[in-house]
PDB file of N, CA and C in Angstrom:
ATOM      1  N   MET A   1     -26.482 -23.305  -5.911  1.00  0.00           N
ATOM      2  CA  MET A   1     -25.334 -23.771  -6.666  1.00  0.00           C
ATOM      3  C   MET A   1     -24.558 -22.601  -7.289  1.00  0.00           C
ATOM      4  N   ARG A   2     -25.301 -21.593  -7.760  1.00  0.00           N
ATOM      5  CA  ARG A   2     -24.639 -20.449  -8.358  1.00  0.00           C
ATOM      6  C   ARG A   2     -23.822 -19.673  -7.315  1.00  0.00           C
ATOM      7  N   ALA A   3     -24.310 -19.634  -6.079  1.00  0.00           N
ATOM      8  CA  ALA A   3     -23.589 -18.940  -5.015  1.00  0.00           C
ATOM      9  C   ALA A   3     -22.241 -19.594  -4.751  1.00  0.00           C
ATOM     10  N   LEU A   4     -22.128 -20.879  -4.924  1.00  0.00           N
ATOM     11  CA  LEU A   4     -20.853 -21.570  -4.729  1.00  0.00           C
ATOM     12  C   LEU A   4     -19.835 -21.174  -5.788  1.00  0.00           C
ATOM     13  N   ARG A   5     -20.287 -20.801  -6.975  1.00  0.00           N
ATOM     14  CA  ARG A   5     -19.362 -20.354  -8.023  1.00  0.00           C
ATOM     15  C   ARG A   5     -18.900 -18.922  -7.786  1.00  0.00           C
ATOM     16  N   ILE A   6     -19.728 -18.112  -7.155  1.00  0.00           N
ATOM     17  CA  ILE A   6     -19.387 -16.714  -6.910  1.00  0.00           C
ATOM     18  C   ILE A   6     -18.527 -16.567  -5.656  1.00  0.00           C
ATOM     19  N   LEU A   7     -18.628 -17.490  -4.715  1.00  0.00           N
ATOM     20  CA  LEU A   7     -17.904 -17.404  -3.453  1.00  0.00           C
ATOM     21  C   LEU A   7     -16.395 -17.247  -3.619  1.00  0.00           C
ATOM     22  N   PRO A   8     -15.706 -18.026  -4.475  1.00  0.00           N
ATOM     23  CA  PRO A   8     -14.258 -17.811  -4.631  1.00  0.00           C
ATOM     24  C   PRO A   8     -13.921 -16.417  -5.152  1.00  0.00           C
ATOM     25  N   LEU A   9     -14.762 -15.877  -6.007  1.00  0.00           N
ATOM     26  CA  LEU A   9     -14.532 -14.523  -6.513  1.00  0.00           C
ATOM     27  C   LEU A   9     -14.671 -13.494  -5.390  1.00  0.00           C
ATOM     28  N   LEU A  10     -15.675 -13.661  -4.547  1.00  0.00           N
ATOM     29  CA  LEU A  10     -15.865 -12.736  -3.436  1.00  0.00           C
ATOM     30  C   LEU A  10     -14.729 -12.821  -2.427  1.00  0.00           C
ATOM     31  N   LEU A  11     -14.142 -13.971  -2.264  1.00  0.00           N
ATOM     32  CA  LEU A  11     -13.013 -14.118  -1.356  1.00  0.00           C
ATOM     33  C   LEU A  11     -11.714 -13.611  -1.969  1.00  0.00           C
ATOM     34  N   ALA A  12     -11.599 -13.646  -3.295  1.00  0.00           N
ATOM     35  CA  ALA A  12     -10.373 -13.226  -3.970  1.00  0.00           C
ATOM     36  C   ALA A  12     -10.248 -11.704  -4.049  1.00  0.00           C
ATOM     37  N   VAL A  13     -11.353 -10.995  -4.080  1.00  0.00           N
ATOM     38  CA  VAL A  13     -11.300  -9.539  -4.220  1.00  0.00           C
ATOM     39  C   VAL A  13     -10.578  -8.883  -3.043  1.00  0.00           C
ATOM     40  N   PRO A  14     -10.914  -9.191  -1.774  1.00  0.00           N
ATOM     41  CA  PRO A  14     -10.164  -8.552  -0.683  1.00  0.00           C
ATOM     42  C   PRO A  14      -8.702  -8.953  -0.651  1.00  0.00           C
ATOM     43  N   MET A  15      -8.390 -10.183  -1.017  1.00  0.00           N
ATOM     44  CA  MET A  15      -6.995 -10.613  -1.005  1.00  0.00           C
ATOM     45  C   MET A  15      -6.200  -9.928  -2.105  1.00  0.00           C
ATOM     46  N   ALA A  16      -6.805  -9.709  -3.262  1.00  0.00           N
ATOM     47  CA  ALA A  16      -6.111  -9.036  -4.354  1.00  0.00           C
ATOM     48  C   ALA A  16      -5.914  -7.556  -4.047  1.00  0.00           C
ATOM     49  N   ALA A  17      -6.822  -6.985  -3.275  1.00  0.00           N
ATOM     50  CA  ALA A  17      -6.702  -5.565  -2.944  1.00  0.00           C
ATOM     51  C   ALA A  17      -5.588  -5.316  -1.944  1.00  0.00           C
ATOM     52  N   GLY A  18      -5.221  -6.297  -1.154  1.00  0.00           N
ATOM     53  CA  GLY A  18      -4.217  -6.097  -0.114  1.00  0.00           C
ATOM     54  C   GLY A  18      -2.843  -6.542  -0.535  1.00  0.00           C
ATOM     55  N   CYS A  19      -2.203  -5.796  -1.405  1.00  0.00           N
ATOM     56  CA  CYS A  19      -0.868  -6.182  -1.831  1.00  0.00           C
ATOM     57  C   CYS A  19       0.086  -4.990  -1.743  1.00  0.00           C
ATOM     58  N   ARG A  20       1.369  -5.322  -1.826  1.00  0.00           N
ATOM     59  CA  ARG A  20       2.425  -4.323  -1.703  1.00  0.00           C
ATOM     60  C   ARG A  20       3.456  -4.614  -2.783  1.00  0.00           C
ATOM     61  N   SER A  21       3.947  -3.565  -3.426  1.00  0.00           N
ATOM     62  CA  SER A  21       5.010  -3.733  -4.420  1.00  0.00           C
ATOM     63  C   SER A  21       6.132  -2.744  -4.114  1.00  0.00           C
ATOM     64  N   ILE A  22       7.348  -3.206  -4.337  1.00  0.00           N
ATOM     65  CA  ILE A  22       8.534  -2.404  -4.058  1.00  0.00           C
ATOM     66  C   ILE A  22       9.373  -2.327  -5.322  1.00  0.00           C
ATOM     67  N   THR A  23       9.766  -1.114  -5.710  1.00  0.00           N
ATOM     68  CA  THR A  23      10.641  -0.904  -6.856  1.00  0.00           C
ATOM     69  C   THR A  23      11.896  -0.199  -6.361  1.00  0.00           C
ATOM     70  N   VAL A  24      13.053  -0.787  -6.618  1.00  0.00           N
ATOM     71  CA  VAL A  24      14.331  -0.195  -6.217  1.00  0.00           C
ATOM     72  C   VAL A  24      15.083   0.188  -7.484  1.00  0.00           C
ATOM     73  N   ARG A  25      15.531   1.450  -7.557  1.00  0.00           N
ATOM     74  CA  ARG A  25      16.275   1.946  -8.716  1.00  0.00           C
ATOM     75  C   ARG A  25      17.660   2.400  -8.255  1.00  0.00           C
ATOM     76  N   PRO A  26      18.663   1.543  -8.376  1.00  0.00           N
ATOM     77  CA  PRO A  26      20.006   1.953  -7.945  1.00  0.00           C
ATOM     78  C   PRO A  26      20.621   2.959  -8.918  1.00  0.00           C
ATOM     79  N   THR A  27      21.305   3.963  -8.376  1.00  0.00           N
ATOM     80  CA  THR A  27      22.027   4.924  -9.201  1.00  0.00           C
ATOM     81  C   THR A  27      23.527   4.641  -9.173  1.00  0.00           C
ATOM     82  N   SER A  28      23.978   3.926  -8.146  1.00  0.00           N
ATOM     83  CA  SER A  28      25.365   3.470  -8.050  1.00  0.00           C
ATOM     84  C   SER A  28      25.345   2.178  -7.243  1.00  0.00           C
ATOM     85  N   THR A  29      26.507   1.682  -6.914  1.00  0.00           N
ATOM     86  CA  THR A  29      26.559   0.424  -6.164  1.00  0.00           C
ATOM     87  C   THR A  29      26.143   0.597  -4.708  1.00  0.00           C
ATOM     88  N   VAL A  30      26.155   1.816  -4.192  1.00  0.00           N
ATOM     89  CA  VAL A  30      25.834   2.041  -2.777  1.00  0.00           C
ATOM     90  C   VAL A  30      24.667   3.002  -2.556  1.00  0.00           C
ATOM     91  N   ALA A  31      24.012   3.497  -3.604  1.00  0.00           N
ATOM     92  CA  ALA A  31      22.935   4.476  -3.436  1.00  0.00           C
ATOM     93  C   ALA A  31      21.883   4.294  -4.519  1.00  0.00           C
ATOM     94  N   GLY A  32      20.724   4.875  -4.268  1.00  0.00           N
ATOM     95  CA  GLY A  32      19.636   4.814  -5.237  1.00  0.00           C
ATOM     96  C   GLY A  32      18.343   5.327  -4.639  1.00  0.00           C
ATOM     97  N   SER A  33      17.241   4.975  -5.278  1.00  0.00           N
ATOM     98  CA  SER A  33      15.933   5.388  -4.795  1.00  0.00           C
ATOM     99  C   SER A  33      14.998   4.187  -4.775  1.00  0.00           C
ATOM    100  N   PHE A  34      13.882   4.327  -4.075  1.00  0.00           N
ATOM    101  CA  PHE A  34      12.900   3.254  -4.012  1.00  0.00           C
ATOM    102  C   PHE A  34      11.501   3.843  -4.023  1.00  0.00           C
ATOM    103  N   HIS A  35      10.541   3.017  -4.419  1.00  0.00           N
ATOM    104  CA  HIS A  35       9.129   3.388  -4.477  1.00  0.00           C
ATOM    105  C   HIS A  35       8.326   2.190  -3.985  1.00  0.00           C
ATOM    106  N   VAL A  36       7.458   2.412  -3.002  1.00  0.00           N
ATOM    107  CA  VAL A  36       6.632   1.345  -2.431  1.00  0.00           C
ATOM    108  C   VAL A  36       5.170   1.727  -2.607  1.00  0.00           C
ATOM    109  N   GLU A  37       4.362   0.796  -3.129  1.00  0.00           N
ATOM    110  CA  GLU A  37       2.922   0.988  -3.252  1.00  0.00           C
ATOM    111  C   GLU A  37       2.232  -0.095  -2.430  1.00  0.00           C
ATOM    112  N   ALA A  38       1.202   0.281  -1.699  1.00  0.00           N
ATOM    113  CA  ALA A  38       0.433  -0.682  -0.909  1.00  0.00           C
ATOM    114  C   ALA A  38      -1.049  -0.382  -1.076  1.00  0.00           C
ATOM    115  N   ARG A  39      -1.850  -1.452  -1.090  1.00  0.00           N
ATOM    116  CA  ARG A  39      -3.299  -1.324  -1.200  1.00  0.00           C
ATOM    117  C   ARG A  39      -3.964  -2.158  -0.114  1.00  0.00           C
ATOM    118  N   ALA A  40      -5.175  -1.754   0.265  1.00  0.00           N
ATOM    119  CA  ALA A  40      -5.937  -2.487   1.271  1.00  0.00           C
ATOM    120  C   ALA A  40      -7.421  -2.389   0.945  1.00  0.00           C
ATOM    121  N   PHE A  41      -8.147  -3.386   1.351  1.00  0.00           N
ATOM    122  CA  PHE A  41      -9.589  -3.442   1.201  1.00  0.00           C
ATOM    123  C   PHE A  41     -10.215  -2.976   2.507  1.00  0.00           C
ATOM    124  N   ARG A  42     -11.197  -2.099   2.439  1.00  0.00           N
ATOM    125  CA  ARG A  42     -11.825  -1.552   3.651  1.00  0.00           C
ATOM    126  C   ARG A  42     -13.254  -2.064   3.755  1.00  0.00           C
ATOM    127  N   LEU A  43     -13.580  -2.612   4.931  1.00  0.00           N
ATOM    128  CA  LEU A  43     -14.916  -3.131   5.185  1.00  0.00           C
ATOM    129  C   LEU A  43     -15.310  -2.793   6.619  1.00  0.00           C
ATOM    130  N   LEU A  44     -16.401  -2.073   6.781  1.00  0.00           N
ATOM    131  CA  LEU A  44     -16.924  -1.672   8.086  1.00  0.00           C
ATOM    132  C   LEU A  44     -15.875  -0.997   8.966  1.00  0.00           C
ATOM    133  N   GLY A  45     -15.105  -0.107   8.380  1.00  0.00           N
ATOM    134  CA  GLY A  45     -14.134   0.668   9.134  1.00  0.00           C
ATOM    135  C   GLY A  45     -12.815  -0.023   9.401  1.00  0.00           C
ATOM    136  N   ARG A  46     -12.630  -1.254   8.948  1.00  0.00           N
ATOM    137  CA  ARG A  46     -11.380  -1.990   9.161  1.00  0.00           C
ATOM    138  C   ARG A  46     -10.673  -2.170   7.830  1.00  0.00           C
ATOM    139  N   SER A  47      -9.354  -2.055   7.829  1.00  0.00           N
ATOM    140  CA  SER A  47      -8.550  -2.256   6.624  1.00  0.00           C
ATOM    141  C   SER A  47      -7.995  -3.673   6.630  1.00  0.00           C
ATOM    142  N   PHE A  48      -8.144  -4.368   5.520  1.00  0.00           N
ATOM    143  CA  PHE A  48      -7.633  -5.729   5.379  1.00  0.00           C
ATOM    144  C   PHE A  48      -6.631  -5.775   4.240  1.00  0.00           C
ATOM    145  N   PRO A  49      -5.468  -6.304   4.355  1.00  0.00           N
ATOM    146  CA  PRO A  49      -4.931  -6.984   5.514  1.00  0.00           C
ATOM    147  C   PRO A  49      -4.474  -6.036   6.603  1.00  0.00           C
ATOM    148  N   ARG A  50      -4.079  -4.808   6.268  1.00  0.00           N
ATOM    149  CA  ARG A  50      -3.727  -3.802   7.276  1.00  0.00           C
ATOM    150  C   ARG A  50      -3.738  -2.426   6.640  1.00  0.00           C
ATOM    151  N   VAL A  51      -3.529  -1.392   7.436  1.00  0.00           N
ATOM    152  CA  VAL A  51      -3.559  -0.015   6.939  1.00  0.00           C
ATOM    153  C   VAL A  51      -2.461   0.147   5.881  1.00  0.00           C
ATOM    154  N   PRO A  52      -2.796   0.654   4.695  1.00  0.00           N
ATOM    155  CA  PRO A  52      -1.815   0.686   3.608  1.00  0.00           C
ATOM    156  C   PRO A  52      -0.589   1.556   3.867  1.00  0.00           C
ATOM    157  N   LEU A  53      -0.728   2.670   4.574  1.00  0.00           N
ATOM    158  CA  LEU A  53       0.438   3.513   4.825  1.00  0.00           C
ATOM    159  C   LEU A  53       1.435   2.802   5.733  1.00  0.00           C
ATOM    160  N   ALA A  54       0.951   2.119   6.746  1.00  0.00           N
ATOM    161  CA  ALA A  54       1.837   1.333   7.620  1.00  0.00           C
ATOM    162  C   ALA A  54       2.462   0.176   6.852  1.00  0.00           C
ATOM    163  N   ASN A  55       1.701  -0.427   5.959  1.00  0.00           N
ATOM    164  CA  ASN A  55       2.219  -1.516   5.142  1.00  0.00           C
ATOM    165  C   ASN A  55       3.313  -1.019   4.200  1.00  0.00           C
ATOM    166  N   ALA A  56       3.145   0.178   3.634  1.00  0.00           N
ATOM    167  CA  ALA A  56       4.158   0.741   2.744  1.00  0.00           C
ATOM    168  C   ALA A  56       5.431   1.103   3.514  1.00  0.00           C
ATOM    169  N   PHE A  57       5.287   1.677   4.707  1.00  0.00           N
ATOM    170  CA  PHE A  57       6.468   1.984   5.527  1.00  0.00           C
ATOM    171  C   PHE A  57       7.205   0.705   5.904  1.00  0.00           C
ATOM    172  N   ASP A  58       6.469  -0.339   6.257  1.00  0.00           N
ATOM    173  CA  ASP A  58       7.108  -1.617   6.587  1.00  0.00           C
ATOM    174  C   ASP A  58       7.813  -2.209   5.372  1.00  0.00           C
ATOM    175  N   GLY A  59       7.220  -2.034   4.194  1.00  0.00           N
ATOM    176  CA  GLY A  59       7.865  -2.529   2.984  1.00  0.00           C
ATOM    177  C   GLY A  59       9.183  -1.828   2.709  1.00  0.00           C
ATOM    178  N   ALA A  60       9.223  -0.529   2.999  1.00  0.00           N
ATOM    179  CA  ALA A  60      10.469   0.220   2.802  1.00  0.00           C
ATOM    180  C   ALA A  60      11.531  -0.235   3.795  1.00  0.00           C
ATOM    181  N   SER A  61      11.140  -0.515   5.029  1.00  0.00           N
ATOM    182  CA  SER A  61      12.133  -0.929   6.018  1.00  0.00           C
ATOM    183  C   SER A  61      12.503  -2.403   5.890  1.00  0.00           C
ATOM    184  N   ASP A  62      11.579  -3.242   5.436  1.00  0.00           N
ATOM    185  CA  ASP A  62      11.868  -4.672   5.296  1.00  0.00           C
ATOM    186  C   ASP A  62      12.869  -4.968   4.180  1.00  0.00           C
ATOM    187  N   ARG A  63      12.993  -4.064   3.244  1.00  0.00           N
ATOM    188  CA  ARG A  63      13.905  -4.279   2.116  1.00  0.00           C
ATOM    189  C   ARG A  63      15.359  -4.293   2.576  1.00  0.00           C
ATOM    190  N   GLY A  64      15.665  -3.656   3.693  1.00  0.00           N
ATOM    191  CA  GLY A  64      17.026  -3.662   4.236  1.00  0.00           C
ATOM    192  C   GLY A  64      17.983  -2.754   3.489  1.00  0.00           C
ATOM    193  N   LEU A  65      17.477  -1.657   2.961  1.00  0.00           N
ATOM    194  CA  LEU A  65      18.332  -0.715   2.244  1.00  0.00           C
ATOM    195  C   LEU A  65      19.133   0.106   3.255  1.00  0.00           C
ATOM    196  N   PRO A  66      20.430   0.274   3.028  1.00  0.00           N
ATOM    197  CA  PRO A  66      21.247   1.006   4.003  1.00  0.00           C
ATOM    198  C   PRO A  66      20.933   2.499   3.994  1.00  0.00           C
ATOM    199  N   ASN A  67      20.773   3.069   5.185  1.00  0.00           N
ATOM    200  CA  ASN A  67      20.564   4.503   5.364  1.00  0.00           C
ATOM    201  C   ASN A  67      19.366   5.009   4.545  1.00  0.00           C
ATOM    202  N   ALA A  68      18.245   4.305   4.617  1.00  0.00           N
ATOM    203  CA  ALA A  68      17.052   4.676   3.849  1.00  0.00           C
ATOM    204  C   ALA A  68      16.365   5.880   4.478  1.00  0.00           C
ATOM    205  N   ARG A  69      15.941   6.818   3.618  1.00  0.00           N
ATOM    206  CA  ARG A  69      15.236   8.016   4.050  1.00  0.00           C
ATOM    207  C   ARG A  69      14.002   8.200   3.170  1.00  0.00           C
ATOM    208  N   ILE A  70      12.880   8.422   3.794  1.00  0.00           N
ATOM    209  CA  ILE A  70      11.640   8.623   3.045  1.00  0.00           C
ATOM    210  C   ILE A  70      11.539  10.095   2.674  1.00  0.00           C
ATOM    211  N   THR A  71      11.309  10.354   1.373  1.00  0.00           N
ATOM    212  CA  THR A  71      11.209  11.729   0.896  1.00  0.00           C
ATOM    213  C   THR A  71       9.768  12.177   0.708  1.00  0.00           C
ATOM    214  N   SER A  72       8.867  11.252   0.400  1.00  0.00           N
ATOM    215  CA  SER A  72       7.455  11.626   0.266  1.00  0.00           C
ATOM    216  C   SER A  72       6.575  10.418   0.553  1.00  0.00           C
ATOM    217  N   ALA A  73       5.410  10.705   1.096  1.00  0.00           N
ATOM    218  CA  ALA A  73       4.421   9.672   1.383  1.00  0.00           C
ATOM    219  C   ALA A  73       3.040  10.255   1.127  1.00  0.00           C
ATOM    220  N   SER A  74       2.179   9.490   0.490  1.00  0.00           N
ATOM    221  CA  SER A  74       0.812   9.937   0.238  1.00  0.00           C
ATOM    222  C   SER A  74      -0.123   8.743   0.364  1.00  0.00           C
ATOM    223  N   GLN A  75      -1.382   9.048   0.649  1.00  0.00           N
ATOM    224  CA  GLN A  75      -2.368   7.985   0.760  1.00  0.00           C
ATOM    225  C   GLN A  75      -3.691   8.469   0.195  1.00  0.00           C
ATOM    226  N   GLY A  76      -4.550   7.547  -0.133  1.00  0.00           N
ATOM    227  CA  GLY A  76      -5.847   7.898  -0.709  1.00  0.00           C
ATOM    228  C   GLY A  76      -6.853   6.823  -0.418  1.00  0.00           C
ATOM    229  N   PRO A  77      -8.049   6.964  -0.787  1.00  0.00           N
ATOM    230  CA  PRO A  77      -8.568   8.062  -1.594  1.00  0.00           C
ATOM    231  C   PRO A  77      -8.939   9.257  -0.731  1.00  0.00           C
ATOM    232  N   ASN A  78      -8.930  10.401  -1.346  1.00  0.00           N
ATOM    233  CA  ASN A  78      -9.401  11.606  -0.678  1.00  0.00           C
ATOM    234  C   ASN A  78     -10.872  11.766  -1.064  1.00  0.00           C
ATOM    235  N   VAL A  79     -11.738  11.204  -0.224  1.00  0.00           N
ATOM    236  CA  VAL A  79     -13.168  11.136  -0.514  1.00  0.00           C
ATOM    237  C   VAL A  79     -13.831  12.451  -0.105  1.00  0.00           C
ATOM    238  N   PHE A  80     -14.678  12.946  -0.971  1.00  0.00           N
ATOM    239  CA  PHE A  80     -15.447  14.157  -0.673  1.00  0.00           C
ATOM    240  C   PHE A  80     -16.276  13.904   0.575  1.00  0.00           C
ATOM    241  N   TRP A  81     -16.277  14.821   1.533  1.00  0.00           N
ATOM    242  CA  TRP A  81     -16.781  14.574   2.886  1.00  0.00           C
ATOM    243  C   TRP A  81     -18.206  14.035   2.977  1.00  0.00           C
ATOM    244  N   PRO A  82     -19.188  14.396   2.137  1.00  0.00           N
ATOM    245  CA  PRO A  82     -20.507  13.777   2.331  1.00  0.00           C
ATOM    246  C   PRO A  82     -20.523  12.276   2.002  1.00  0.00           C
ATOM    247  N   PHE A  83     -19.512  11.810   1.284  1.00  0.00           N
ATOM    248  CA  PHE A  83     -19.506  10.411   0.864  1.00  0.00           C
ATOM    249  C   PHE A  83     -18.520   9.548   1.643  1.00  0.00           C
ATOM    250  N   THR A  84     -17.971  10.068   2.729  1.00  0.00           N
ATOM    251  CA  THR A  84     -17.010   9.289   3.504  1.00  0.00           C
ATOM    252  C   THR A  84     -17.651   8.070   4.149  1.00  0.00           C
ATOM    253  N   TRP A  85     -18.933   8.123   4.443  1.00  0.00           N
ATOM    254  CA  TRP A  85     -19.586   6.969   5.050  1.00  0.00           C
ATOM    255  C   TRP A  85     -19.619   5.785   4.087  1.00  0.00           C
ATOM    256  N   ILE A  86     -19.696   6.039   2.791  1.00  0.00           N
ATOM    257  CA  ILE A  86     -19.671   4.940   1.823  1.00  0.00           C
ATOM    258  C   ILE A  86     -18.296   4.272   1.844  1.00  0.00           C
ATOM    259  N   HIS A  87     -17.250   5.079   1.884  1.00  0.00           N
ATOM    260  CA  HIS A  87     -15.900   4.511   1.924  1.00  0.00           C
ATOM    261  C   HIS A  87     -15.636   3.798   3.241  1.00  0.00           C
ATOM    262  N   TRP A  88     -16.215   4.279   4.321  1.00  0.00           N
ATOM    263  CA  TRP A  88     -16.061   3.605   5.611  1.00  0.00           C
ATOM    264  C   TRP A  88     -16.701   2.219   5.560  1.00  0.00           C
ATOM    265  N   PHE A  89     -17.828   2.101   4.873  1.00  0.00           N
ATOM    266  CA  PHE A  89     -18.542   0.831   4.788  1.00  0.00           C
ATOM    267  C   PHE A  89     -17.834  -0.152   3.853  1.00  0.00           C
ATOM    268  N   LEU A  90     -17.437   0.308   2.693  1.00  0.00           N
ATOM    269  CA  LEU A  90     -16.827  -0.574   1.693  1.00  0.00           C
ATOM    270  C   LEU A  90     -15.972   0.270   0.761  1.00  0.00           C
ATOM    271  N   GLY A  91     -14.692  -0.082   0.628  1.00  0.00           N
ATOM    272  CA  GLY A  91     -13.836   0.699  -0.248  1.00  0.00           C
ATOM    273  C   GLY A  91     -12.445   0.111  -0.385  1.00  0.00           C
ATOM    274  N   VAL A  92     -11.623   0.788  -1.144  1.00  0.00           N
ATOM    275  CA  VAL A  92     -10.236   0.402  -1.362  1.00  0.00           C
ATOM    276  C   VAL A  92      -9.364   1.606  -1.015  1.00  0.00           C
ATOM    277  N   GLU A  93      -8.274   1.376  -0.305  1.00  0.00           N
ATOM    278  CA  GLU A  93      -7.334   2.428   0.072  1.00  0.00           C
ATOM    279  C   GLU A  93      -5.981   2.121  -0.548  1.00  0.00           C
ATOM    280  N   TRP A  94      -5.151   3.147  -0.690  1.00  0.00           N
ATOM    281  CA  TRP A  94      -3.805   2.935  -1.204  1.00  0.00           C
ATOM    282  C   TRP A  94      -2.848   3.931  -0.574  1.00  0.00           C
ATOM    283  N   ALA A  95      -1.560   3.616  -0.693  1.00  0.00           N
ATOM    284  CA  ALA A  95      -0.511   4.500  -0.188  1.00  0.00           C
ATOM    285  C   ALA A  95       0.714   4.358  -1.067  1.00  0.00           C
ATOM    286  N   ASP A  96       1.426   5.460  -1.269  1.00  0.00           N
ATOM    287  CA  ASP A  96       2.682   5.489  -2.020  1.00  0.00           C
ATOM    288  C   ASP A  96       3.752   6.118  -1.137  1.00  0.00           C
ATOM    289  N   VAL A  97       4.912   5.469  -1.085  1.00  0.00           N
ATOM    290  CA  VAL A  97       6.046   5.971  -0.317  1.00  0.00           C
ATOM    291  C   VAL A  97       7.259   5.983  -1.238  1.00  0.00           C
ATOM    292  N   GLU A  98       7.943   7.103  -1.299  1.00  0.00           N
ATOM    293  CA  GLU A  98       9.168   7.216  -2.095  1.00  0.00           C
ATOM    294  C   GLU A  98      10.307   7.655  -1.192  1.00  0.00           C
ATOM    295  N   GLY A  99      11.509   7.243  -1.546  1.00  0.00           N
ATOM    296  CA  GLY A  99      12.669   7.631  -0.756  1.00  0.00           C
ATOM    297  C   GLY A  99      13.965   7.325  -1.446  1.00  0.00           C
ATOM    298  N   VAL A 100      15.040   7.622  -0.742  1.00  0.00           N
ATOM    299  CA  VAL A 100      16.382   7.373  -1.246  1.00  0.00           C
ATOM    300  C   VAL A 100      17.137   6.555  -0.186  1.00  0.00           C
ATOM    301  N   TYR A 101      18.193   5.926  -0.627  1.00  0.00           N
ATOM    302  CA  TYR A 101      19.032   5.148   0.282  1.00  0.00           C
ATOM    303  C   TYR A 101      20.486   5.320  -0.095  1.00  0.00           C
ATOM    304  N   GLY A 102      21.351   4.959   0.827  1.00  0.00           N
ATOM    305  CA  GLY A 102      22.785   5.041   0.583  1.00  0.00           C
ATOM    306  C   GLY A 102      23.403   6.256   1.236  1.00  0.00           C
ATOM    307  N   ILE A 103      24.621   6.555   0.813  1.00  0.00           N
ATOM    308  CA  ILE A 103      25.370   7.665   1.373  1.00  0.00           C
ATOM    309  C   ILE A 103      24.827   8.974   0.824  1.00  0.00           C
ATOM    310  N   PRO A 104      24.420   9.924   1.691  1.00  0.00           N
ATOM    311  CA  PRO A 104      23.892  11.193   1.178  1.00  0.00           C
ATOM    312  C   PRO A 104      24.983  11.995   0.456  1.00  0.00           C
ATOM    313  N   PRO A 105      24.581  12.740  -0.572  1.00  0.00           N
ATOM    314  CA  PRO A 105      25.587  13.533  -1.312  1.00  0.00           C
ATOM    315  C   PRO A 105      26.130  14.693  -0.531  1.00  0.00           C
TER     316      PRO A 105
END
C-alpha cells in the first residue's frame, strides 16, 4: 500500500526534470535578446524527454524570433571523469542557450 503512495512521486520526478523555459527581453520593437534553459532526466544512458541542448535549440527556433542568432550555448553537468558512470546510470542534465534577434547593428 505504501508503494502506491510513492509511485506518483517517482513518476513526477522525471517529468519535472524535463522542462524548458524561454525568456525574451526586447530592447526595441524589432530587436532584443533571449535566454532558453532546458533540463532532462538521465536514466541508463538515455535522456528523457530528450537531450537538453537539442531541446534548448528547438526552443529558440520555435519562438519564431526574426533573424535569431545564438551567441552562447553551454550544457552540464561537467562530471569528474571517475564518476561519469554514476551520471550515465542516473542523473539530471541541463543546457543554457543565449542569443539575440532582430536587425543587427
